[in-house]
Protein backbone atom coordinates (compact mmCIF):
# COMPACT_ATOMS: atom_id res chain seq x y z
CA UNK A 1 117.76 112.47 106.51
CA UNK A 2 114.76 112.74 104.93
CA UNK A 3 114.22 116.04 103.13
CA UNK A 4 111.13 117.05 101.24
CA UNK A 5 108.85 119.79 100.47
CA UNK A 6 109.53 122.42 103.41
CA UNK A 7 109.82 119.52 106.23
CA UNK A 8 106.40 117.74 105.09
CA UNK A 9 108.08 114.46 104.80
CA UNK A 10 109.57 112.67 108.03
CA UNK A 11 111.48 108.96 108.26
CA UNK A 12 112.27 107.04 111.52
CA UNK A 13 113.90 103.48 111.49
CA UNK A 14 114.55 100.55 113.56
CA UNK A 15 116.28 97.55 114.05
CA UNK A 16 114.10 95.18 116.07
CA UNK A 17 115.23 92.65 118.58
CA UNK A 18 114.71 89.70 115.93
CA UNK A 19 116.94 91.28 113.66
CA UNK A 20 114.32 92.61 111.47
CA UNK A 21 113.98 96.19 110.19
CA UNK A 22 111.18 98.76 110.11
CA UNK A 23 111.06 102.34 108.47
CA UNK A 24 108.11 104.11 108.80
CA UNK A 25 107.46 107.27 106.42
CA UNK A 26 105.40 110.32 106.80
CA UNK A 27 103.92 112.55 104.47
CA UNK A 28 102.29 115.01 105.96
CA UNK A 29 101.94 117.25 102.36
CA UNK A 30 98.33 117.45 101.93
CA UNK A 31 98.67 117.65 98.21
CA UNK A 32 102.10 116.26 96.94
CA UNK A 33 103.02 112.29 96.36
CA UNK A 34 106.50 111.85 98.03
CA UNK A 35 108.66 109.79 96.09
CA UNK A 36 111.42 108.43 98.36
CA UNK A 37 114.85 106.30 98.00
CA UNK A 38 115.45 105.14 101.20
CA UNK A 39 119.08 104.07 101.80
CA UNK A 40 119.82 101.64 105.12
CA UNK A 41 122.75 102.33 106.72
CA UNK A 42 124.14 100.09 110.02
CA UNK A 43 123.67 96.71 108.87
CA UNK A 44 126.08 94.15 109.80
CA UNK A 45 129.52 94.44 107.51
CA UNK A 46 128.51 92.95 104.27
CA UNK A 47 125.30 92.19 104.96
CA UNK A 48 122.40 93.29 102.62
CA UNK A 49 118.99 94.52 103.07
CA UNK A 50 116.60 91.51 102.11
CA UNK A 51 115.78 91.22 98.50
CA UNK A 52 111.74 91.58 99.52
CA UNK A 53 110.03 92.96 102.48
CA UNK A 54 106.26 94.40 103.24
CA UNK A 55 105.04 97.88 102.64
CA UNK A 56 102.02 98.80 104.70
CA UNK A 57 100.46 101.88 103.46
CA UNK A 58 97.84 103.70 105.94
CA UNK A 59 96.31 106.84 103.81
CA UNK A 60 93.40 109.03 104.94
CA UNK A 61 90.46 109.35 102.39
CA UNK A 62 89.32 112.50 101.16
CA UNK A 63 91.96 114.06 103.79
CA UNK A 64 89.37 113.52 106.79
CA UNK A 65 88.42 110.08 106.71
CA UNK A 66 90.08 106.97 107.92
CA UNK A 67 91.42 104.59 105.09
CA UNK A 68 92.38 101.23 104.78
CA UNK A 69 95.77 99.81 105.72
CA UNK A 70 97.33 98.14 102.12
CA UNK A 71 100.10 95.93 102.24
CA UNK A 72 102.26 94.98 99.48
CA UNK A 73 105.77 93.47 98.81
CA UNK A 74 108.36 95.95 98.41
CA UNK A 75 112.19 95.02 96.60
CA UNK A 76 115.28 96.42 97.81
CA UNK A 77 117.96 96.57 95.10
CA UNK A 78 119.45 93.49 97.09
CA UNK A 79 123.31 94.52 97.17
CA UNK A 80 125.37 96.61 99.46
CA UNK A 81 123.70 100.09 98.77
CA UNK A 82 120.24 98.47 100.71
CA UNK A 83 118.15 100.88 99.26
CA UNK A 84 114.51 100.62 98.43
CA UNK A 85 112.49 103.05 96.44
CA UNK A 86 108.97 104.16 98.12
CA UNK A 87 106.19 106.52 97.06
CA UNK A 88 104.25 107.99 100.22
CA UNK A 89 100.91 109.27 99.03
CA UNK A 90 99.90 112.76 100.14
CA UNK A 91 98.83 112.84 104.01
CA UNK A 92 99.71 109.20 104.37
CA UNK A 93 101.64 106.87 106.67
CA UNK A 94 104.19 103.82 104.80
CA UNK A 95 105.66 101.61 106.99
CA UNK A 96 108.17 99.24 105.62
CA UNK A 97 109.28 96.17 107.26
CA UNK A 98 112.08 93.78 106.19
CA UNK A 99 113.04 90.34 107.84
CA UNK A 100 116.03 89.66 109.23
CA UNK A 101 119.15 89.32 106.30
């Protein structure tokens, strides 16, 4: 479960029909950056989260204007811990995608 600053951080994960994984992280704090370590459970026995995924970040400009969607590679621990560390800016949504492992 996600916990941060009085419930201002939320997470949702999904496994898609093609076997890829999507994780949406939402920070509704107007001022605090949320530093999160996400652990992915429910993979097949012995499976690892792929080493490289993609991070898509949408952050508002000056809290009231639409900003661009930026993408960048994101790296997991690539071990049986199945973890990835990410920073979610204030008032932002970050979507992580990982291909089928």
